Amino acid sequence: MKVKAMIKQNNVLREQMTPFNRSYYEDMLLGLRASKVDPVRTEELLLEAAALLLEGQGKGKNAKQIFGEHPGDYFKEIAGSAPAHRERSKLNYYLMIPWAALTGLFSVYAVAGLLLLWSTGEAGMFGQISIFTILAVGAGSIVLIEIIMKWLSSLSEDDAPKPKPFNIKGLGIYVGIAIIVVFLGIFLDNLFPVISLSPWVSLVVAVAGGLGLKFIFFKS
């Protein structure tokens, strides 16, 4: 179950609690969500606690009788032993985006090039690549991700599908940069060197890029 789905389920369970139990449970919830415990593990623990609380509530017990005098005590030991969520540094983040984009680019060149090589005997347009294309894809991927993140940050965090105010000027800047990059590509592509690229070389680069994503950026 995804984090968002677990949060919705949590909200449903909270509606079934008595006012006292809900207040106590919300103190537990705030404490755990503010910790460095992995978000998925956090929501799993909260759902387990909510189910336990409702079970006890059905037997006439309140939250203090189930979890103890202080809301933070129940998760103290669990949170301490749970694997902490590692924050990704900005450098790591901005290196990962073009790395992934270029891995995808070389994957396309490899697959398309090998298919053409198999069917026609030549790789065609996938047998060479412009340096500008490499640079544009790397830089453009960062711009695209920033646009998407700006859009996502404009969405409301509750269940209502209404947007909340966000920095539209910043989004406009990102869109403008993306448009400029596209038009520059038309004029500058021929000014940059074009290198021959065997589909097999593209395949090796794509595989190496995929391994790099797994073992460098997504390592636990």
N, C-alpha and C. Protein backbone atom coordinates (compact mmCIF):
# COMPACT_ATOMS: atom_id res chain seq x y z
N MET A 1 0.84 -1.19 0.00
CA MET A 1 0.00 0.00 0.00
C MET A 1 0.88 1.25 0.00
N LYS A 2 0.59 2.22 -0.86
CA LYS A 2 1.38 3.43 -0.93
C LYS A 2 1.11 4.32 0.28
N VAL A 3 2.06 5.24 0.53
CA VAL A 3 1.96 6.11 1.69
C VAL A 3 0.65 6.90 1.69
N LYS A 4 0.31 7.47 0.53
CA LYS A 4 -0.91 8.28 0.46
C LYS A 4 -2.15 7.45 0.79
N ALA A 5 -2.18 6.22 0.31
CA ALA A 5 -3.33 5.35 0.59
C ALA A 5 -3.38 4.99 2.07
N MET A 6 -2.21 4.78 2.68
CA MET A 6 -2.17 4.45 4.11
C MET A 6 -2.62 5.64 4.95
N ILE A 7 -2.26 6.85 4.52
CA ILE A 7 -2.70 8.05 5.25
C ILE A 7 -4.22 8.18 5.21
N LYS A 8 -4.79 7.91 4.03
CA LYS A 8 -6.27 7.96 3.91
C LYS A 8 -6.93 6.91 4.81
N GLN A 9 -6.35 5.71 4.84
CA GLN A 9 -6.88 4.66 5.69
C GLN A 9 -6.77 5.05 7.16
N ASN A 10 -5.67 5.71 7.49
CA ASN A 10 -5.45 6.17 8.86
C ASN A 10 -6.53 7.17 9.25
N ASN A 11 -6.86 8.08 8.33
CA ASN A 11 -7.90 9.08 8.61
C ASN A 11 -9.25 8.42 8.85
N VAL A 12 -9.53 7.37 8.10
CA VAL A 12 -10.79 6.63 8.27
C VAL A 12 -10.85 6.01 9.67
N LEU A 13 -9.74 5.41 10.09
CA LEU A 13 -9.71 4.77 11.41
C LEU A 13 -9.82 5.79 12.53
N ARG A 14 -9.23 6.94 12.35
CA ARG A 14 -9.30 7.99 13.39
C ARG A 14 -10.73 8.46 13.62
N GLU A 15 -11.54 8.45 12.56
CA GLU A 15 -12.93 8.88 12.69
C GLU A 15 -13.72 7.93 13.58
N GLN A 16 -13.25 6.71 13.78
CA GLN A 16 -13.94 5.72 14.59
C GLN A 16 -13.55 5.78 16.07
N MET A 17 -12.59 6.66 16.39
CA MET A 17 -12.10 6.74 17.77
C MET A 17 -12.92 7.73 18.58
N THR A 18 -12.95 7.51 19.89
CA THR A 18 -13.59 8.47 20.78
C THR A 18 -12.74 9.74 20.81
N PRO A 19 -13.31 10.88 21.20
CA PRO A 19 -12.53 12.13 21.23
C PRO A 19 -11.23 12.01 22.03
N PHE A 20 -11.29 11.37 23.21
CA PHE A 20 -10.08 11.24 24.02
C PHE A 20 -9.04 10.38 23.31
N ASN A 21 -9.48 9.23 22.79
CA ASN A 21 -8.56 8.33 22.11
C ASN A 21 -7.97 8.96 20.85
N ARG A 22 -8.80 9.73 20.16
CA ARG A 22 -8.31 10.38 18.93
C ARG A 22 -7.24 11.42 19.27
N SER A 23 -7.48 12.21 20.31
CA SER A 23 -6.51 13.21 20.72
C SER A 23 -5.18 12.57 21.12
N TYR A 24 -5.27 11.49 21.89
CA TYR A 24 -4.07 10.77 22.33
C TYR A 24 -3.33 10.20 21.10
N TYR A 25 -4.12 9.59 20.22
CA TYR A 25 -3.52 8.97 19.03
C TYR A 25 -2.86 10.00 18.12
N GLU A 26 -3.48 11.17 17.98
CA GLU A 26 -2.91 12.21 17.13
C GLU A 26 -1.58 12.73 17.68
N ASP A 27 -1.44 12.71 19.01
CA ASP A 27 -0.14 13.06 19.59
C ASP A 27 0.91 12.02 19.21
N MET A 28 0.52 10.76 19.22
CA MET A 28 1.42 9.69 18.79
C MET A 28 1.79 9.87 17.32
N LEU A 29 0.77 10.18 16.51
CA LEU A 29 0.95 10.33 15.07
C LEU A 29 1.92 11.46 14.75
N LEU A 30 1.71 12.62 15.38
CA LEU A 30 2.57 13.77 15.11
C LEU A 30 4.02 13.49 15.50
N GLY A 31 4.19 12.82 16.63
CA GLY A 31 5.54 12.50 17.08
C GLY A 31 6.28 11.58 16.13
N LEU A 32 5.59 10.56 15.65
CA LEU A 32 6.25 9.59 14.77
C LEU A 32 6.51 10.19 13.39
N ARG A 33 5.55 10.95 12.87
CA ARG A 33 5.75 11.55 11.55
C ARG A 33 6.84 12.62 11.56
N ALA A 34 7.09 13.21 12.72
CA ALA A 34 8.14 14.22 12.82
C ALA A 34 9.53 13.59 12.98
N SER A 35 9.56 12.29 13.23
CA SER A 35 10.84 11.60 13.41
C SER A 35 11.48 11.31 12.06
N LYS A 36 12.67 10.70 12.08
CA LYS A 36 13.39 10.38 10.85
C LYS A 36 13.13 8.96 10.36
N VAL A 37 12.10 8.36 10.91
CA VAL A 37 11.73 7.01 10.46
C VAL A 37 11.22 7.08 9.02
N ASP A 38 11.55 6.07 8.22
CA ASP A 38 11.11 6.01 6.84
C ASP A 38 9.59 6.20 6.75
N PRO A 39 9.11 7.05 5.81
CA PRO A 39 7.67 7.35 5.71
C PRO A 39 6.78 6.12 5.57
N VAL A 40 7.22 5.15 4.79
CA VAL A 40 6.40 3.94 4.62
C VAL A 40 6.29 3.20 5.94
N ARG A 41 7.42 3.01 6.62
CA ARG A 41 7.42 2.32 7.91
C ARG A 41 6.59 3.10 8.94
N THR A 42 6.66 4.42 8.88
CA THR A 42 5.88 5.27 9.78
C THR A 42 4.39 4.99 9.66
N GLU A 43 3.90 4.99 8.42
CA GLU A 43 2.46 4.77 8.21
C GLU A 43 2.05 3.35 8.57
N GLU A 44 2.94 2.39 8.37
CA GLU A 44 2.64 1.00 8.77
C GLU A 44 2.48 0.91 10.28
N LEU A 45 3.39 1.55 11.00
CA LEU A 45 3.33 1.54 12.47
C LEU A 45 2.06 2.23 12.97
N LEU A 46 1.71 3.35 12.33
CA LEU A 46 0.51 4.08 12.74
C LEU A 46 -0.76 3.29 12.49
N LEU A 47 -0.82 2.60 11.37
CA LEU A 47 -2.00 1.77 11.09
C LEU A 47 -2.12 0.63 12.09
N GLU A 48 -0.99 0.03 12.44
CA GLU A 48 -1.01 -1.05 13.43
C GLU A 48 -1.49 -0.53 14.78
N ALA A 49 -1.01 0.68 15.16
CA ALA A 49 -1.41 1.26 16.43
C ALA A 49 -2.90 1.64 16.42
N ALA A 50 -3.37 2.16 15.30
CA ALA A 50 -4.79 2.54 15.19
C ALA A 50 -5.69 1.31 15.33
N ALA A 51 -5.29 0.24 14.67
CA ALA A 51 -6.08 -1.00 14.76
C ALA A 51 -6.09 -1.53 16.19
N LEU A 52 -4.93 -1.47 16.86
CA LEU A 52 -4.83 -1.93 18.25
C LEU A 52 -5.69 -1.07 19.17
N LEU A 53 -5.67 0.23 18.92
CA LEU A 53 -6.46 1.15 19.74
C LEU A 53 -7.96 0.89 19.57
N LEU A 54 -8.41 0.70 18.34
CA LEU A 54 -9.83 0.45 18.10
C LEU A 54 -10.27 -0.89 18.69
N GLU A 55 -9.37 -1.86 18.65
CA GLU A 55 -9.68 -3.15 19.25
C GLU A 55 -9.87 -3.00 20.76
N GLY A 56 -8.97 -2.26 21.40
CA GLY A 56 -9.09 -2.02 22.84
C GLY A 56 -10.29 -1.16 23.16
N GLN A 57 -10.55 -0.17 22.31
CA GLN A 57 -11.70 0.71 22.51
C GLN A 57 -13.00 -0.10 22.50
N GLY A 58 -13.07 -1.10 21.64
CA GLY A 58 -14.26 -1.95 21.58
C GLY A 58 -14.46 -2.76 22.85
N LYS A 59 -13.37 -2.91 23.62
CA LYS A 59 -13.47 -3.66 24.88
C LYS A 59 -13.59 -2.73 26.08
N GLY A 60 -13.80 -1.42 25.80
CA GLY A 60 -14.01 -0.46 26.88
C GLY A 60 -12.74 0.16 27.43
N LYS A 61 -11.61 -0.02 26.77
CA LYS A 61 -10.35 0.55 27.24
C LYS A 61 -10.07 1.87 26.53
N ASN A 62 -9.33 2.76 27.23
CA ASN A 62 -8.93 4.00 26.57
C ASN A 62 -7.45 3.91 26.15
N ALA A 63 -6.99 4.95 25.46
CA ALA A 63 -5.65 4.92 24.89
C ALA A 63 -4.55 4.78 25.93
N LYS A 64 -4.72 5.42 27.08
CA LYS A 64 -3.69 5.34 28.13
C LYS A 64 -3.57 3.92 28.66
N GLN A 65 -4.69 3.23 28.76
CA GLN A 65 -4.65 1.85 29.24
C GLN A 65 -3.99 0.92 28.23
N ILE A 66 -4.06 1.29 26.97
CA ILE A 66 -3.49 0.44 25.91
C ILE A 66 -2.01 0.74 25.67
N PHE A 67 -1.68 2.04 25.58
CA PHE A 67 -0.32 2.43 25.18
C PHE A 67 0.54 3.00 26.31
N GLY A 68 -0.08 3.37 27.41
CA GLY A 68 0.69 3.95 28.50
C GLY A 68 0.32 5.40 28.74
N GLU A 69 0.91 5.97 29.77
CA GLU A 69 0.56 7.32 30.20
C GLU A 69 0.92 8.38 29.16
N HIS A 70 2.09 8.22 28.52
CA HIS A 70 2.57 9.24 27.58
C HIS A 70 2.51 8.73 26.14
N PRO A 71 1.92 9.52 25.21
CA PRO A 71 1.76 9.08 23.82
C PRO A 71 3.07 8.70 23.13
N GLY A 72 4.16 9.35 23.52
CA GLY A 72 5.43 9.08 22.84
C GLY A 72 6.12 7.81 23.27
N ASP A 73 5.68 7.21 24.37
CA ASP A 73 6.38 6.03 24.90
C ASP A 73 6.23 4.80 24.01
N TYR A 74 5.06 4.64 23.39
CA TYR A 74 4.79 3.41 22.64
C TYR A 74 5.74 3.27 21.44
N PHE A 75 6.01 4.36 20.75
CA PHE A 75 6.85 4.30 19.56
C PHE A 75 8.33 4.57 19.84
N LYS A 76 8.65 4.88 21.08
CA LYS A 76 10.02 5.28 21.39
C LYS A 76 11.03 4.21 21.00
N GLU A 77 10.80 2.99 21.45
CA GLU A 77 11.74 1.90 21.17
C GLU A 77 11.66 1.48 19.70
N ILE A 78 10.45 1.43 19.15
CA ILE A 78 10.27 1.03 17.76
C ILE A 78 10.95 2.02 16.82
N ALA A 79 10.72 3.32 17.08
CA ALA A 79 11.30 4.35 16.24
C ALA A 79 12.82 4.34 16.32
N GLY A 80 13.33 4.02 17.50
CA GLY A 80 14.78 3.99 17.67
C GLY A 80 15.44 2.86 16.91
N SER A 81 14.71 1.74 16.73
CA SER A 81 15.29 0.58 16.05
C SER A 81 14.94 0.54 14.57
N ALA A 82 13.96 1.36 14.14
CA ALA A 82 13.56 1.35 12.72
C ALA A 82 14.61 2.06 11.89
N PRO A 83 14.83 1.59 10.64
CA PRO A 83 15.82 2.25 9.78
C PRO A 83 15.40 3.67 9.46
N ALA A 84 16.30 4.59 9.64
CA ALA A 84 16.00 6.00 9.40
C ALA A 84 16.00 6.30 7.91
N HIS A 85 15.18 7.27 7.52
CA HIS A 85 15.09 7.67 6.12
C HIS A 85 16.25 8.60 5.79
N ARG A 86 17.06 8.21 4.81
CA ARG A 86 18.19 9.04 4.42
C ARG A 86 17.72 10.16 3.50
N GLU A 87 18.10 11.39 3.86
CA GLU A 87 17.77 12.51 3.01
C GLU A 87 18.76 12.58 1.85
N ARG A 88 18.25 12.78 0.65
CA ARG A 88 19.10 12.88 -0.52
C ARG A 88 19.65 14.30 -0.62
N SER A 89 20.97 14.44 -0.76
CA SER A 89 21.57 15.76 -0.87
C SER A 89 21.19 16.39 -2.21
N LYS A 90 21.28 17.72 -2.27
CA LYS A 90 20.93 18.41 -3.52
C LYS A 90 21.88 18.02 -4.64
N LEU A 91 23.16 17.87 -4.30
CA LEU A 91 24.13 17.47 -5.32
C LEU A 91 23.78 16.09 -5.87
N ASN A 92 23.47 15.16 -4.97
CA ASN A 92 23.07 13.82 -5.37
C ASN A 92 21.82 13.87 -6.24
N TYR A 93 20.87 14.71 -5.84
CA TYR A 93 19.59 14.83 -6.55
C TYR A 93 19.79 15.35 -7.97
N TYR A 94 20.60 16.42 -8.10
CA TYR A 94 20.79 17.03 -9.41
C TYR A 94 21.78 16.26 -10.29
N LEU A 95 22.51 15.34 -9.74
CA LEU A 95 23.32 14.43 -10.55
C LEU A 95 22.49 13.25 -11.02
N MET A 96 21.58 12.80 -10.16
CA MET A 96 20.77 11.64 -10.48
C MET A 96 19.84 11.91 -11.67
N ILE A 97 19.26 13.11 -11.74
CA ILE A 97 18.28 13.41 -12.80
C ILE A 97 18.90 13.29 -14.20
N PRO A 98 20.00 14.02 -14.51
CA PRO A 98 20.56 13.86 -15.86
C PRO A 98 21.14 12.46 -16.09
N TRP A 99 21.65 11.84 -15.03
CA TRP A 99 22.16 10.47 -15.16
C TRP A 99 21.05 9.54 -15.65
N ALA A 100 19.88 9.66 -15.01
CA ALA A 100 18.74 8.82 -15.41
C ALA A 100 18.27 9.17 -16.81
N ALA A 101 18.24 10.47 -17.14
CA ALA A 101 17.78 10.89 -18.46
C ALA A 101 18.71 10.38 -19.55
N LEU A 102 20.02 10.48 -19.33
CA LEU A 102 20.98 10.02 -20.33
C LEU A 102 20.98 8.49 -20.43
N THR A 103 20.74 7.83 -19.32
CA THR A 103 20.60 6.36 -19.37
C THR A 103 19.42 5.99 -20.25
N GLY A 104 18.32 6.73 -20.10
CA GLY A 104 17.16 6.49 -20.96
C GLY A 104 17.46 6.80 -22.42
N LEU A 105 18.18 7.89 -22.67
CA LEU A 105 18.53 8.26 -24.04
C LEU A 105 19.35 7.17 -24.72
N PHE A 106 20.39 6.69 -24.04
CA PHE A 106 21.24 5.66 -24.64
C PHE A 106 20.51 4.32 -24.74
N SER A 107 19.53 4.11 -23.87
CA SER A 107 18.71 2.90 -23.99
C SER A 107 17.90 2.93 -25.28
N VAL A 108 17.33 4.11 -25.58
CA VAL A 108 16.56 4.27 -26.82
C VAL A 108 17.46 4.07 -28.03
N TYR A 109 18.64 4.70 -27.98
CA TYR A 109 19.60 4.56 -29.09
C TYR A 109 20.02 3.10 -29.27
N ALA A 110 20.19 2.40 -28.16
CA ALA A 110 20.61 1.00 -28.24
C ALA A 110 19.53 0.13 -28.85
N VAL A 111 18.31 0.22 -28.34
CA VAL A 111 17.21 -0.61 -28.82
C VAL A 111 16.88 -0.29 -30.27
N ALA A 112 16.68 1.01 -30.56
CA ALA A 112 16.31 1.40 -31.92
C ALA A 112 17.44 1.09 -32.90
N GLY A 113 18.67 1.35 -32.48
CA GLY A 113 19.82 1.10 -33.34
C GLY A 113 19.99 -0.37 -33.66
N LEU A 114 19.83 -1.22 -32.66
CA LEU A 114 19.96 -2.67 -32.88
C LEU A 114 18.84 -3.21 -33.76
N LEU A 115 17.64 -2.67 -33.61
CA LEU A 115 16.53 -3.10 -34.46
C LEU A 115 16.78 -2.73 -35.92
N LEU A 116 17.25 -1.49 -36.13
CA LEU A 116 17.57 -1.07 -37.49
C LEU A 116 18.73 -1.86 -38.06
N LEU A 117 19.72 -2.12 -37.20
CA LEU A 117 20.88 -2.89 -37.64
C LEU A 117 20.47 -4.29 -38.05
N TRP A 118 19.53 -4.86 -37.32
CA TRP A 118 19.06 -6.21 -37.61
C TRP A 118 18.20 -6.25 -38.87
N SER A 119 17.38 -5.21 -39.07
CA SER A 119 16.44 -5.22 -40.19
C SER A 119 17.03 -4.66 -41.48
N THR A 120 17.92 -3.67 -41.38
CA THR A 120 18.44 -3.02 -42.60
C THR A 120 19.94 -3.17 -42.77
N GLY A 121 20.63 -3.58 -41.71
CA GLY A 121 22.08 -3.70 -41.79
C GLY A 121 22.80 -2.43 -41.40
N GLU A 122 22.05 -1.34 -41.12
CA GLU A 122 22.65 -0.07 -40.71
C GLU A 122 21.85 0.50 -39.54
N ALA A 123 22.56 1.22 -38.67
CA ALA A 123 21.90 1.81 -37.50
C ALA A 123 21.20 3.12 -37.83
N GLY A 124 21.50 3.69 -39.01
CA GLY A 124 20.85 4.93 -39.42
C GLY A 124 21.12 6.08 -38.47
N MET A 125 20.08 6.84 -38.18
CA MET A 125 20.24 8.01 -37.31
C MET A 125 20.64 7.62 -35.89
N PHE A 126 20.45 6.37 -35.54
CA PHE A 126 20.82 5.93 -34.20
C PHE A 126 22.27 5.43 -34.14
N GLY A 127 22.99 5.64 -35.24
CA GLY A 127 24.40 5.27 -35.27
C GLY A 127 25.31 6.45 -35.02
N GLN A 128 24.74 7.60 -34.73
CA GLN A 128 25.52 8.79 -34.40
C GLN A 128 24.71 9.68 -33.47
N ILE A 129 25.42 10.51 -32.73
CA ILE A 129 24.74 11.39 -31.78
C ILE A 129 25.50 12.70 -31.65
N SER A 130 24.77 13.78 -31.56
CA SER A 130 25.38 15.10 -31.40
C SER A 130 25.71 15.36 -29.94
N ILE A 131 26.84 16.01 -29.73
CA ILE A 131 27.21 16.40 -28.36
C ILE A 131 26.14 17.31 -27.76
N PHE A 132 25.54 18.15 -28.63
CA PHE A 132 24.49 19.04 -28.14
C PHE A 132 23.29 18.25 -27.62
N THR A 133 22.96 17.15 -28.30
CA THR A 133 21.84 16.32 -27.84
C THR A 133 22.09 15.81 -26.44
N ILE A 134 23.32 15.36 -26.18
CA ILE A 134 23.67 14.85 -24.85
C ILE A 134 23.53 15.95 -23.80
N LEU A 135 24.07 17.14 -24.14
CA LEU A 135 24.01 18.26 -23.19
C LEU A 135 22.56 18.72 -22.98
N ALA A 136 21.79 18.77 -24.07
CA ALA A 136 20.41 19.26 -23.97
C ALA A 136 19.55 18.30 -23.15
N VAL A 137 19.74 17.00 -23.36
CA VAL A 137 18.95 16.01 -22.60
C VAL A 137 19.32 16.08 -21.12
N GLY A 138 20.61 16.19 -20.83
CA GLY A 138 21.04 16.26 -19.43
C GLY A 138 20.49 17.48 -18.72
N ALA A 139 20.65 18.66 -19.35
CA ALA A 139 20.17 19.90 -18.73
C ALA A 139 18.65 19.98 -18.77
N GLY A 140 18.06 19.56 -19.89
CA GLY A 140 16.62 19.64 -20.03
C GLY A 140 15.87 18.76 -19.05
N SER A 141 16.49 17.64 -18.68
CA SER A 141 15.83 16.75 -17.73
C SER A 141 15.65 17.42 -16.37
N ILE A 142 16.64 18.22 -15.98
CA ILE A 142 16.54 18.93 -14.70
C ILE A 142 15.41 19.95 -14.76
N VAL A 143 15.34 20.69 -15.89
CA VAL A 143 14.28 21.68 -16.06
C VAL A 143 12.91 21.00 -16.02
N LEU A 144 12.78 19.87 -16.72
CA LEU A 144 11.50 19.15 -16.76
C LEU A 144 11.08 18.68 -15.38
N ILE A 145 12.01 18.11 -14.63
CA ILE A 145 11.69 17.62 -13.29
C ILE A 145 11.29 18.77 -12.38
N GLU A 146 11.97 19.91 -12.51
CA GLU A 146 11.61 21.07 -11.69
C GLU A 146 10.21 21.56 -12.02
N ILE A 147 9.85 21.53 -13.30
CA ILE A 147 8.48 21.92 -13.70
C ILE A 147 7.46 20.99 -13.06
N ILE A 148 7.74 19.69 -13.14
CA ILE A 148 6.82 18.70 -12.56
C ILE A 148 6.70 18.89 -11.05
N MET A 149 7.83 19.10 -10.38
CA MET A 149 7.81 19.28 -8.93
C MET A 149 7.06 20.55 -8.53
N LYS A 150 7.21 21.61 -9.33
CA LYS A 150 6.46 22.84 -9.05
C LYS A 150 4.97 22.59 -9.18
N TRP A 151 4.60 21.82 -10.21
CA TRP A 151 3.18 21.51 -10.40
C TRP A 151 2.65 20.67 -9.25
N LEU A 152 3.42 19.66 -8.85
CA LEU A 152 2.98 18.80 -7.75
C LEU A 152 2.85 19.58 -6.46
N SER A 153 3.74 20.54 -6.24
CA SER A 153 3.69 21.32 -5.00
C SER A 153 2.48 22.24 -4.98
N SER A 154 1.86 22.46 -6.15
CA SER A 154 0.67 23.31 -6.21
C SER A 154 -0.59 22.57 -5.83
N LEU A 155 -0.52 21.23 -5.74
CA LEU A 155 -1.71 20.45 -5.41
C LEU A 155 -1.97 20.47 -3.92
N SER A 156 -3.22 20.43 -3.56
CA SER A 156 -3.60 20.40 -2.16
C SER A 156 -3.20 19.08 -1.53
N GLU A 157 -2.79 19.11 -0.28
CA GLU A 157 -2.40 17.90 0.42
C GLU A 157 -3.59 17.12 0.95
N ASP A 158 -4.76 17.75 1.03
CA ASP A 158 -5.93 17.01 1.51
C ASP A 158 -6.61 16.32 0.35
N ASP A 159 -7.75 15.72 0.60
CA ASP A 159 -8.42 14.94 -0.43
C ASP A 159 -9.14 15.79 -1.45
N ALA A 160 -9.38 17.07 -1.15
CA ALA A 160 -10.10 17.93 -2.07
C ALA A 160 -9.22 18.28 -3.26
N PRO A 161 -9.76 18.19 -4.47
CA PRO A 161 -8.95 18.43 -5.65
C PRO A 161 -8.78 19.90 -5.98
N LYS A 162 -8.53 20.75 -4.98
CA LYS A 162 -8.37 22.17 -5.24
C LYS A 162 -6.90 22.55 -5.08
N PRO A 163 -6.42 23.44 -5.95
CA PRO A 163 -5.01 23.83 -5.85
C PRO A 163 -4.81 24.84 -4.74
N LYS A 164 -3.59 24.93 -4.26
CA LYS A 164 -3.25 25.96 -3.31
C LYS A 164 -2.27 26.91 -3.99
N PRO A 165 -2.14 28.15 -3.54
CA PRO A 165 -1.27 29.10 -4.21
C PRO A 165 0.18 28.62 -4.25
N PHE A 166 0.85 28.91 -5.34
CA PHE A 166 2.27 28.58 -5.44
C PHE A 166 2.95 29.64 -6.30
N ASN A 167 4.24 29.56 -6.38
CA ASN A 167 5.02 30.57 -7.08
C ASN A 167 4.93 30.36 -8.58
N ILE A 168 3.95 31.00 -9.21
CA ILE A 168 3.75 30.82 -10.66
C ILE A 168 4.87 31.47 -11.44
N LYS A 169 5.51 32.48 -10.86
CA LYS A 169 6.63 33.13 -11.54
C LYS A 169 7.78 32.14 -11.74
N GLY A 170 8.03 31.35 -10.68
CA GLY A 170 9.10 30.35 -10.77
C GLY A 170 8.80 29.32 -11.83
N LEU A 171 7.54 28.88 -11.91
CA LEU A 171 7.15 27.91 -12.93
C LEU A 171 7.32 28.50 -14.32
N GLY A 172 6.96 29.78 -14.47
CA GLY A 172 7.11 30.43 -15.76
C GLY A 172 8.55 30.49 -16.22
N ILE A 173 9.45 30.69 -15.27
CA ILE A 173 10.88 30.72 -15.59
C ILE A 173 11.33 29.37 -16.12
N TYR A 174 10.91 28.28 -15.44
CA TYR A 174 11.29 26.94 -15.88
C TYR A 174 10.73 26.63 -17.27
N VAL A 175 9.47 27.02 -17.51
CA VAL A 175 8.86 26.79 -18.82
C VAL A 175 9.62 27.57 -19.89
N GLY A 176 9.97 28.82 -19.58
CA GLY A 176 10.72 29.65 -20.52
C GLY A 176 12.06 29.03 -20.88
N ILE A 177 12.75 28.51 -19.87
CA ILE A 177 14.04 27.87 -20.12
C ILE A 177 13.87 26.66 -21.02
N ALA A 178 12.82 25.88 -20.76
CA ALA A 178 12.57 24.69 -21.58
C ALA A 178 12.32 25.06 -23.04
N ILE A 179 11.55 26.13 -23.27
CA ILE A 179 11.27 26.57 -24.64
C ILE A 179 12.54 27.05 -25.33
N ILE A 180 13.36 27.79 -24.58
CA ILE A 180 14.62 28.29 -25.14
C ILE A 180 15.53 27.13 -25.54
N VAL A 181 15.59 26.11 -24.68
CA VAL A 181 16.43 24.94 -24.97
C VAL A 181 15.97 24.25 -26.26
N VAL A 182 14.66 24.13 -26.43
CA VAL A 182 14.13 23.48 -27.63
C VAL A 182 14.52 24.25 -28.89
N PHE A 183 14.33 25.58 -28.87
CA PHE A 183 14.65 26.38 -30.05
C PHE A 183 16.15 26.48 -30.29
N LEU A 184 16.93 26.51 -29.23
CA LEU A 184 18.37 26.51 -29.39
C LEU A 184 18.84 25.22 -30.07
N GLY A 185 18.13 24.13 -29.76
CA GLY A 185 18.49 22.86 -30.36
C GLY A 185 18.41 22.88 -31.88
N ILE A 186 17.44 23.62 -32.39
CA ILE A 186 17.27 23.70 -33.84
C ILE A 186 18.47 24.38 -34.49
N PHE A 187 19.00 25.44 -33.82
CA PHE A 187 20.07 26.23 -34.42
C PHE A 187 21.47 25.74 -34.04
N LEU A 188 21.59 25.14 -32.86
CA LEU A 188 22.92 24.79 -32.37
C LEU A 188 23.33 23.35 -32.62
N ASP A 189 22.36 22.52 -32.93
CA ASP A 189 22.67 21.09 -33.08
C ASP A 189 23.77 20.86 -34.11
N ASN A 190 23.69 21.60 -35.23
CA ASN A 190 24.68 21.42 -36.29
C ASN A 190 26.03 22.06 -35.97
N LEU A 191 26.07 22.89 -34.93
CA LEU A 191 27.33 23.55 -34.57
C LEU A 191 28.19 22.69 -33.66
N PHE A 192 27.59 21.69 -33.04
CA PHE A 192 28.31 20.80 -32.13
C PHE A 192 28.79 19.56 -32.87
N PRO A 193 29.88 18.99 -32.42
CA PRO A 193 30.39 17.78 -33.08
C PRO A 193 29.39 16.64 -33.00
N VAL A 194 29.38 15.82 -34.05
CA VAL A 194 28.56 14.62 -34.08
C VAL A 194 29.50 13.43 -34.06
N ILE A 195 29.26 12.51 -33.13
CA ILE A 195 30.15 11.36 -33.00
C ILE A 195 29.44 10.08 -33.43
N SER A 196 30.20 9.19 -34.05
CA SER A 196 29.65 7.88 -34.41
C SER A 196 29.41 7.07 -33.15
N LEU A 197 28.31 6.34 -33.15
CA LEU A 197 27.93 5.62 -31.95
C LEU A 197 27.31 4.27 -32.32
N SER A 198 28.06 3.22 -32.12
CA SER A 198 27.52 1.88 -32.39
C SER A 198 26.39 1.57 -31.41
N PRO A 199 25.31 0.93 -31.87
CA PRO A 199 24.24 0.53 -30.95
C PRO A 199 24.74 -0.33 -29.80
N TRP A 200 25.80 -1.10 -30.07
CA TRP A 200 26.35 -1.93 -28.99
C TRP A 200 27.01 -1.06 -27.92
N VAL A 201 27.66 0.02 -28.36
CA VAL A 201 28.25 0.96 -27.39
C VAL A 201 27.14 1.63 -26.58
N SER A 202 26.06 2.01 -27.27
CA SER A 202 24.91 2.61 -26.57
C SER A 202 24.36 1.65 -25.54
N LEU A 203 24.30 0.37 -25.88
CA LEU A 203 23.79 -0.64 -24.95
C LEU A 203 24.67 -0.75 -23.72
N VAL A 204 25.99 -0.74 -23.94
CA VAL A 204 26.93 -0.82 -22.81
C VAL A 204 26.77 0.40 -21.90
N VAL A 205 26.67 1.59 -22.53
CA VAL A 205 26.50 2.82 -21.74
C VAL A 205 25.19 2.79 -20.96
N ALA A 206 24.11 2.31 -21.59
CA ALA A 206 22.80 2.24 -20.94
C ALA A 206 22.83 1.28 -19.75
N VAL A 207 23.46 0.12 -19.94
CA VAL A 207 23.56 -0.86 -18.84
C VAL A 207 24.39 -0.29 -17.70
N ALA A 208 25.52 0.36 -18.06
CA ALA A 208 26.36 0.96 -17.03
C ALA A 208 25.59 2.05 -16.28
N GLY A 209 24.79 2.83 -17.03
CA GLY A 209 23.98 3.87 -16.39
C GLY A 209 22.94 3.28 -15.45
N GLY A 210 22.31 2.19 -15.87
CA GLY A 210 21.33 1.53 -15.00
C GLY A 210 21.95 0.99 -13.73
N LEU A 211 23.12 0.39 -13.87
CA LEU A 211 23.83 -0.12 -12.68
C LEU A 211 24.24 1.02 -11.76
N GLY A 212 24.65 2.14 -12.38
CA GLY A 212 25.01 3.30 -11.58
C GLY A 212 23.84 3.83 -10.78
N LEU A 213 22.66 3.87 -11.41
CA LEU A 213 21.46 4.33 -10.70
C LEU A 213 21.17 3.43 -9.50
N LYS A 214 21.31 2.13 -9.70
CA LYS A 214 20.99 1.17 -8.63
C LYS A 214 21.99 1.24 -7.49
N PHE A 215 23.29 1.23 -7.83
CA PHE A 215 24.30 1.08 -6.79
C PHE A 215 24.88 2.40 -6.27
N ILE A 216 24.66 3.49 -7.00
CA ILE A 216 25.16 4.79 -6.53
C ILE A 216 24.05 5.64 -5.93
N PHE A 217 22.96 5.78 -6.68
CA PHE A 217 21.90 6.71 -6.26
C PHE A 217 20.79 6.04 -5.44
N PHE A 218 20.52 4.76 -5.71
CA PHE A 218 19.41 4.09 -5.02
C PHE A 218 19.88 3.04 -4.03
N LYS A 219 21.15 3.09 -3.67
CA LYS A 219 21.63 2.13 -2.69
C LYS A 219 21.00 2.42 -1.35
N SER A 220 20.76 1.36 -0.56
CA SER A 220 20.09 1.53 0.74
C SER A 220 21.10 1.98 1.78
